Amino acid sequence: AAYDDKVQEEKNIECVSGQYFIQGGNE
């Protein structure tokens, strides 16, 4: 249920496949 396409589109972002998603800034 948490993986439903609409749920994911509302909460999360599209990322670049094939590379780590490293996020900087304050922890």
PDB file of all heavy atoms in Angstrom:
ATOM      1  N   ALA A   1       0.831  -1.209   0.000  1.00  0.00           N
ATOM      2  CA  ALA A   1       0.000   0.000   0.000  1.00  0.00           C
ATOM      3  C   ALA A   1       0.868   1.263   0.000  1.00  0.00           C
ATOM      4  O   ALA A   1       0.550   2.254  -0.669  1.00  0.00           O
ATOM      5  CB  ALA A   1      -0.934  -0.004   1.211  1.00  0.00           C
ATOM      6  N   ALA A   2       1.975   1.226   0.729  1.00  0.00           N
ATOM      7  CA  ALA A   2       2.880   2.389   0.795  1.00  0.00           C
ATOM      8  C   ALA A   2       3.620   2.603  -0.516  1.00  0.00           C
ATOM      9  O   ALA A   2       4.233   3.658  -0.722  1.00  0.00           O
ATOM     10  CB  ALA A   2       3.879   2.207   1.934  1.00  0.00           C
ATOM     11  N   TYR A   3       3.587   1.607  -1.401  1.00  0.00           N
ATOM     12  CA  TYR A   3       4.293   1.698  -2.680  1.00  0.00           C
ATOM     13  C   TYR A   3       3.357   2.053  -3.830  1.00  0.00           C
ATOM     14  O   TYR A   3       3.794   2.085  -4.987  1.00  0.00           O
ATOM     15  CB  TYR A   3       4.985   0.371  -2.992  1.00  0.00           C
ATOM     16  CG  TYR A   3       6.143   0.045  -2.078  1.00  0.00           C
ATOM     17  CD1 TYR A   3       5.935  -0.595  -0.855  1.00  0.00           C
ATOM     18  CD2 TYR A   3       7.452   0.369  -2.430  1.00  0.00           C
ATOM     19  CE1 TYR A   3       7.003  -0.904  -0.016  1.00  0.00           C
ATOM     20  CE2 TYR A   3       8.523   0.069  -1.603  1.00  0.00           C
ATOM     21  CZ  TYR A   3       8.291  -0.571  -0.403  1.00  0.00           C
ATOM     22  OH  TYR A   3       9.339  -0.872   0.424  1.00  0.00           O
ATOM     23  N   ASP A   4       2.077   2.294  -3.535  1.00  0.00           N
ATOM     24  CA  ASP A   4       1.142   2.672  -4.591  1.00  0.00           C
ATOM     25  C   ASP A   4       1.704   3.844  -5.391  1.00  0.00           C
ATOM     26  O   ASP A   4       2.276   4.783  -4.813  1.00  0.00           O
ATOM     27  CB  ASP A   4      -0.214   3.061  -4.004  1.00  0.00           C
ATOM     28  CG  ASP A   4      -1.037   1.846  -3.600  1.00  0.00           C
ATOM     29  OD1 ASP A   4      -0.691   0.726  -4.038  1.00  0.00           O
ATOM     30  OD2 ASP A   4      -2.017   2.007  -2.841  1.00  0.00           O
ATOM     31  N   ASP A   5       1.534   3.806  -6.695  1.00  0.00           N
ATOM     32  CA  ASP A   5       2.128   4.827  -7.549  1.00  0.00           C
ATOM     33  C   ASP A   5       1.733   6.244  -7.127  1.00  0.00           C
ATOM     34  O   ASP A   5       2.574   7.150  -7.083  1.00  0.00           O
ATOM     35  CB  ASP A   5       1.716   4.583  -9.001  1.00  0.00           C
ATOM     36  CG  ASP A   5       2.427   3.376  -9.599  1.00  0.00           C
ATOM     37  OD1 ASP A   5       2.917   2.515  -8.831  1.00  0.00           O
ATOM     38  OD2 ASP A   5       2.520   3.282 -10.837  1.00  0.00           O
ATOM     39  N   LYS A   6       0.456   6.447  -6.815  1.00  0.00           N
ATOM     40  CA  LYS A   6      -0.003   7.785  -6.436  1.00  0.00           C
ATOM     41  C   LYS A   6       0.632   8.235  -5.123  1.00  0.00           C
ATOM     42  O   LYS A   6       0.993   9.401  -4.966  1.00  0.00           O
ATOM     43  CB  LYS A   6      -1.532   7.803  -6.317  1.00  0.00           C
ATOM     44  CG  LYS A   6      -2.249   7.727  -7.656  1.00  0.00           C
ATOM     45  CD  LYS A   6      -3.746   7.872  -7.482  1.00  0.00           C
ATOM     46  CE  LYS A   6      -4.454   7.847  -8.835  1.00  0.00           C
ATOM     47  NZ  LYS A   6      -5.933   7.983  -8.691  1.00  0.00           N
ATOM     48  N   VAL A   7       0.771   7.317  -4.178  1.00  0.00           N
ATOM     49  CA  VAL A   7       1.392   7.646  -2.889  1.00  0.00           C
ATOM     50  C   VAL A   7       2.841   8.065  -3.102  1.00  0.00           C
ATOM     51  O   VAL A   7       3.313   9.059  -2.539  1.00  0.00           O
ATOM     52  CB  VAL A   7       1.320   6.442  -1.928  1.00  0.00           C
ATOM     53  CG1 VAL A   7       2.111   6.717  -0.656  1.00  0.00           C
ATOM     54  CG2 VAL A   7      -0.126   6.112  -1.590  1.00  0.00           C
ATOM     55  N   GLN A   8       3.556   7.314  -3.916  1.00  0.00           N
ATOM     56  CA  GLN A   8       4.960   7.629  -4.181  1.00  0.00           C
ATOM     57  C   GLN A   8       5.112   8.953  -4.925  1.00  0.00           C
ATOM     58  O   GLN A   8       6.023   9.732  -4.642  1.00  0.00           O
ATOM     59  CB  GLN A   8       5.600   6.490  -4.979  1.00  0.00           C
ATOM     60  CG  GLN A   8       5.827   5.220  -4.175  1.00  0.00           C
ATOM     61  CD  GLN A   8       6.865   5.404  -3.081  1.00  0.00           C
ATOM     62  OE1 GLN A   8       7.947   5.913  -3.312  1.00  0.00           O
ATOM     63  NE2 GLN A   8       6.524   4.996  -1.866  1.00  0.00           N
ATOM     64  N   GLU A   9       4.234   9.215  -5.877  1.00  0.00           N
ATOM     65  CA  GLU A   9       4.303  10.468  -6.627  1.00  0.00           C
ATOM     66  C   GLU A   9       4.044  11.678  -5.742  1.00  0.00           C
ATOM     67  O   GLU A   9       4.629  12.744  -5.947  1.00  0.00           O
ATOM     68  CB  GLU A   9       3.308  10.437  -7.784  1.00  0.00           C
ATOM     69  CG  GLU A   9       3.700   9.467  -8.896  1.00  0.00           C
ATOM     70  CD  GLU A   9       2.589   9.255  -9.905  1.00  0.00           C
ATOM     71  OE1 GLU A   9       1.513   9.873  -9.727  1.00  0.00           O
ATOM     72  OE2 GLU A   9       2.781   8.482 -10.859  1.00  0.00           O
ATOM     73  N   GLU A  10       3.188  11.515  -4.744  1.00  0.00           N
ATOM     74  CA  GLU A  10       2.860  12.627  -3.846  1.00  0.00           C
ATOM     75  C   GLU A  10       3.969  12.888  -2.829  1.00  0.00           C
ATOM     76  O   GLU A  10       4.269  14.037  -2.504  1.00  0.00           O
ATOM     77  CB  GLU A  10       1.549  12.335  -3.108  1.00  0.00           C
ATOM     78  CG  GLU A  10       0.314  12.363  -3.998  1.00  0.00           C
ATOM     79  CD  GLU A  10      -0.940  11.934  -3.255  1.00  0.00           C
ATOM     80  OE1 GLU A  10      -0.817  11.607  -2.043  1.00  0.00           O
ATOM     81  OE2 GLU A  10      -2.015  11.910  -3.858  1.00  0.00           O
ATOM     82  N   LYS A  11       4.594  11.830  -2.338  1.00  0.00           N
ATOM     83  CA  LYS A  11       5.541  11.974  -1.231  1.00  0.00           C
ATOM     84  C   LYS A  11       7.000  12.071  -1.661  1.00  0.00           C
ATOM     85  O   LYS A  11       7.803  12.727  -0.990  1.00  0.00           O
ATOM     86  CB  LYS A  11       5.387  10.799  -0.257  1.00  0.00           C
ATOM     87  CG  LYS A  11       4.085  10.795   0.518  1.00  0.00           C
ATOM     88  CD  LYS A  11       4.080   9.674   1.552  1.00  0.00           C
ATOM     89  CE  LYS A  11       2.834   9.721   2.424  1.00  0.00           C
ATOM     90  NZ  LYS A  11       2.853   8.647   3.460  1.00  0.00           N
ATOM     91  N   ASN A  12       7.348  11.385  -2.740  1.00  0.00           N
ATOM     92  CA  ASN A  12       8.758  11.248  -3.092  1.00  0.00           C
ATOM     93  C   ASN A  12       9.071  11.804  -4.474  1.00  0.00           C
ATOM     94  O   ASN A  12       8.181  12.161  -5.240  1.00  0.00           O
ATOM     95  CB  ASN A  12       9.177   9.780  -2.988  1.00  0.00           C
ATOM     96  CG  ASN A  12       9.069   9.262  -1.564  1.00  0.00           C
ATOM     97  OD1 ASN A  12       9.201  10.016  -0.609  1.00  0.00           O
ATOM     98  ND2 ASN A  12       8.812   7.969  -1.416  1.00  0.00           N
ATOM     99  N   ILE A  13      10.355  11.868  -4.803  1.00  0.00           N
ATOM    100  CA  ILE A  13      10.804  12.498  -6.033  1.00  0.00           C
ATOM    101  C   ILE A  13      11.363  11.459  -7.010  1.00  0.00           C
ATOM    102  O   ILE A  13      11.728  10.351  -6.621  1.00  0.00           O
ATOM    103  CB  ILE A  13      11.877  13.563  -5.752  1.00  0.00           C
ATOM    104  CG1 ILE A  13      13.144  12.907  -5.187  1.00  0.00           C
ATOM    105  CG2 ILE A  13      11.349  14.634  -4.815  1.00  0.00           C
ATOM    106  CD1 ILE A  13      14.328  13.851  -5.081  1.00  0.00           C
ATOM    107  N   GLU A  14      11.430  11.830  -8.273  1.00  0.00           N
ATOM    108  CA  GLU A  14      12.074  10.998  -9.273  1.00  0.00           C
ATOM    109  C   GLU A  14      13.583  11.223  -9.193  1.00  0.00           C
ATOM    110  O   GLU A  14      14.040  12.368  -9.137  1.00  0.00           O
ATOM    111  CB  GLU A  14      11.558  11.332 -10.673  1.00  0.00           C
ATOM    112  CG  GLU A  14      10.113  10.943 -10.898  1.00  0.00           C
ATOM    113  CD  GLU A  14       9.689  11.151 -12.341  1.00  0.00           C
ATOM    114  OE1 GLU A  14      10.591  11.315 -13.200  1.00  0.00           O
ATOM    115  OE2 GLU A  14       8.485  11.155 -12.612  1.00  0.00           O
ATOM    116  N   CYS A  15      14.334  10.148  -9.184  1.00  0.00           N
ATOM    117  CA  CYS A  15      15.780  10.252  -9.031  1.00  0.00           C
ATOM    118  C   CYS A  15      16.487   9.717 -10.277  1.00  0.00           C
ATOM    119  O   CYS A  15      15.875   9.094 -11.137  1.00  0.00           O
ATOM    120  CB  CYS A  15      16.247   9.474  -7.798  1.00  0.00           C
ATOM    121  SG  CYS A  15      15.576  10.097  -6.245  1.00  0.00           S
ATOM    122  N   VAL A  16      17.781   9.975 -10.338  1.00  0.00           N
ATOM    123  CA  VAL A  16      18.591   9.516 -11.461  1.00  0.00           C
ATOM    124  C   VAL A  16      19.036   8.081 -11.198  1.00  0.00           C
ATOM    125  O   VAL A  16      19.736   7.808 -10.217  1.00  0.00           O
ATOM    126  CB  VAL A  16      19.821  10.424 -11.662  1.00  0.00           C
ATOM    127  CG1 VAL A  16      20.673   9.909 -12.822  1.00  0.00           C
ATOM    128  CG2 VAL A  16      19.384  11.865 -11.903  1.00  0.00           C
ATOM    129  N   SER A  17      18.628   7.182 -12.064  1.00  0.00           N
ATOM    130  CA  SER A  17      18.956   5.773 -11.893  1.00  0.00           C
ATOM    131  C   SER A  17      20.439   5.521 -12.107  1.00  0.00           C
ATOM    132  O   SER A  17      21.108   6.211 -12.882  1.00  0.00           O
ATOM    133  CB  SER A  17      18.146   4.937 -12.891  1.00  0.00           C
ATOM    134  OG  SER A  17      18.461   3.571 -12.791  1.00  0.00           O
ATOM    135  N   GLY A  18      20.969   4.529 -11.380  1.00  0.00           N
ATOM    136  CA  GLY A  18      22.340   4.092 -11.606  1.00  0.00           C
ATOM    137  C   GLY A  18      23.406   4.816 -10.821  1.00  0.00           C
ATOM    138  O   GLY A  18      24.594   4.549 -11.005  1.00  0.00           O
ATOM    139  N   GLN A  19      23.007   5.720  -9.930  1.00  0.00           N
ATOM    140  CA  GLN A  19      23.995   6.401  -9.099  1.00  0.00           C
ATOM    141  C   GLN A  19      23.429   6.675  -7.716  1.00  0.00           C
ATOM    142  O   GLN A  19      22.225   6.828  -7.546  1.00  0.00           O
ATOM    143  CB  GLN A  19      24.442   7.717  -9.752  1.00  0.00           C
ATOM    144  CG  GLN A  19      23.341   8.761  -9.905  1.00  0.00           C
ATOM    145  CD  GLN A  19      23.815   9.990 -10.660  1.00  0.00           C
ATOM    146  OE1 GLN A  19      24.445   9.899 -11.708  1.00  0.00           O
ATOM    147  NE2 GLN A  19      23.519  11.169 -10.117  1.00  0.00           N
ATOM    148  N   TYR A  20      24.330   6.700  -6.724  1.00  0.00           N
ATOM    149  CA  TYR A  20      23.895   6.957  -5.351  1.00  0.00           C
ATOM    150  C   TYR A  20      23.281   8.352  -5.246  1.00  0.00           C
ATOM    151  O   TYR A  20      23.733   9.295  -5.907  1.00  0.00           O
ATOM    152  CB  TYR A  20      25.074   6.858  -4.385  1.00  0.00           C
ATOM    153  CG  TYR A  20      25.684   5.470  -4.285  1.00  0.00           C
ATOM    154  CD1 TYR A  20      27.028   5.266  -4.596  1.00  0.00           C
ATOM    155  CD2 TYR A  20      24.940   4.384  -3.875  1.00  0.00           C
ATOM    156  CE1 TYR A  20      27.607   4.000  -4.505  1.00  0.00           C
ATOM    157  CE2 TYR A  20      25.500   3.115  -3.779  1.00  0.00           C
ATOM    158  CZ  TYR A  20      26.837   2.928  -4.096  1.00  0.00           C
ATOM    159  OH  TYR A  20      27.392   1.682  -4.009  1.00  0.00           O
ATOM    160  N   PHE A  21      22.245   8.466  -4.419  1.00  0.00           N
ATOM    161  CA  PHE A  21      21.595   9.759  -4.179  1.00  0.00           C
ATOM    162  C   PHE A  21      22.157  10.328  -2.879  1.00  0.00           C
ATOM    163  O   PHE A  21      21.606  10.123  -1.799  1.00  0.00           O
ATOM    164  CB  PHE A  21      20.082   9.577  -4.105  1.00  0.00           C
ATOM    165  CG  PHE A  21      19.315  10.859  -3.952  1.00  0.00           C
ATOM    166  CD1 PHE A  21      19.801  12.052  -4.455  1.00  0.00           C
ATOM    167  CD2 PHE A  21      18.094  10.876  -3.293  1.00  0.00           C
ATOM    168  CE1 PHE A  21      19.089  13.235  -4.318  1.00  0.00           C
ATOM    169  CE2 PHE A  21      17.369  12.040  -3.151  1.00  0.00           C
ATOM    170  CZ  PHE A  21      17.871  13.233  -3.668  1.00  0.00           C
ATOM    171  N   ILE A  22      23.274  11.012  -3.008  1.00  0.00           N
ATOM    172  CA  ILE A  22      23.968  11.560  -1.836  1.00  0.00           C
ATOM    173  C   ILE A  22      23.464  12.972  -1.571  1.00  0.00           C
ATOM    174  O   ILE A  22      23.480  13.832  -2.460  1.00  0.00           O
ATOM    175  CB  ILE A  22      25.491  11.554  -2.059  1.00  0.00           C
ATOM    176  CG1 ILE A  22      25.971  10.111  -2.269  1.00  0.00           C
ATOM    177  CG2 ILE A  22      26.215  12.190  -0.881  1.00  0.00           C
ATOM    178  CD1 ILE A  22      27.409   9.992  -2.685  1.00  0.00           C
ATOM    179  N   GLN A  23      23.008  13.208  -0.347  1.00  0.00           N
ATOM    180  CA  GLN A  23      22.434  14.500   0.025  1.00  0.00           C
ATOM    181  C   GLN A  23      23.287  15.160   1.099  1.00  0.00           C
ATOM    182  O   GLN A  23      23.539  14.585   2.142  1.00  0.00           O
ATOM    183  CB  GLN A  23      20.997  14.303   0.525  1.00  0.00           C
ATOM    184  CG  GLN A  23      20.106  13.604  -0.500  1.00  0.00           C
ATOM    185  CD  GLN A  23      18.701  13.394  -0.008  1.00  0.00           C
ATOM    186  OE1 GLN A  23      17.973  14.345   0.285  1.00  0.00           O
ATOM    187  NE2 GLN A  23      18.283  12.134   0.064  1.00  0.00           N
ATOM    188  N   GLY A  24      23.718  16.361   0.794  1.00  0.00           N
ATOM    189  CA  GLY A  24      24.551  17.103   1.738  1.00  0.00           C
ATOM    190  C   GLY A  24      23.709  17.916   2.709  1.00  0.00           C
ATOM    191  O   GLY A  24      22.550  17.609   2.975  1.00  0.00           O
ATOM    192  N   GLY A  25      24.296  18.976   3.227  1.00  0.00           N
ATOM    193  CA  GLY A  25      23.595  19.831   4.180  1.00  0.00           C
ATOM    194  C   GLY A  25      23.710  19.337   5.602  1.00  0.00           C
ATOM    195  O   GLY A  25      24.385  18.340   5.892  1.00  0.00           O
ATOM    196  N   ASN A  26      23.049  20.020   6.493  1.00  0.00           N
ATOM    197  CA  ASN A  26      23.073  19.658   7.907  1.00  0.00           C
ATOM    198  C   ASN A  26      22.418  18.306   8.110  1.00  0.00           C
ATOM    199  O   ASN A  26      21.412  17.975   7.467  1.00  0.00           O
ATOM    200  CB  ASN A  26      22.339  20.737   8.715  1.00  0.00           C
ATOM    201  CG  ASN A  26      22.582  20.590  10.203  1.00  0.00           C
ATOM    202  OD1 ASN A  26      22.147  19.623  10.818  1.00  0.00           O
ATOM    203  ND2 ASN A  26      23.278  21.547  10.790  1.00  0.00           N
ATOM    204  N   GLU A  27      22.984  17.499   9.019  1.00  0.00           N
ATOM    205  CA  GLU A  27      22.447  16.155   9.212  1.00  0.00           C
ATOM    206  C   GLU A  27      21.037  16.154   9.785  1.00  0.00           C
ATOM    207  O   GLU A  27      20.339  15.144   9.717  1.00  0.00           O
ATOM    208  CB  GLU A  27      23.372  15.342  10.119  1.00  0.00           C
ATOM    209  CG  GLU A  27      23.454  15.821  11.549  1.00  0.00           C
ATOM    210  CD  GLU A  27      24.295  14.898  12.415  1.00  0.00           C
ATOM    211  OE1 GLU A  27      24.784  13.869  11.905  1.00  0.00           O
ATOM    212  OE2 GLU A  27      24.481  15.216  13.605  1.00  0.00           O
TER     213      GLU A  27
END
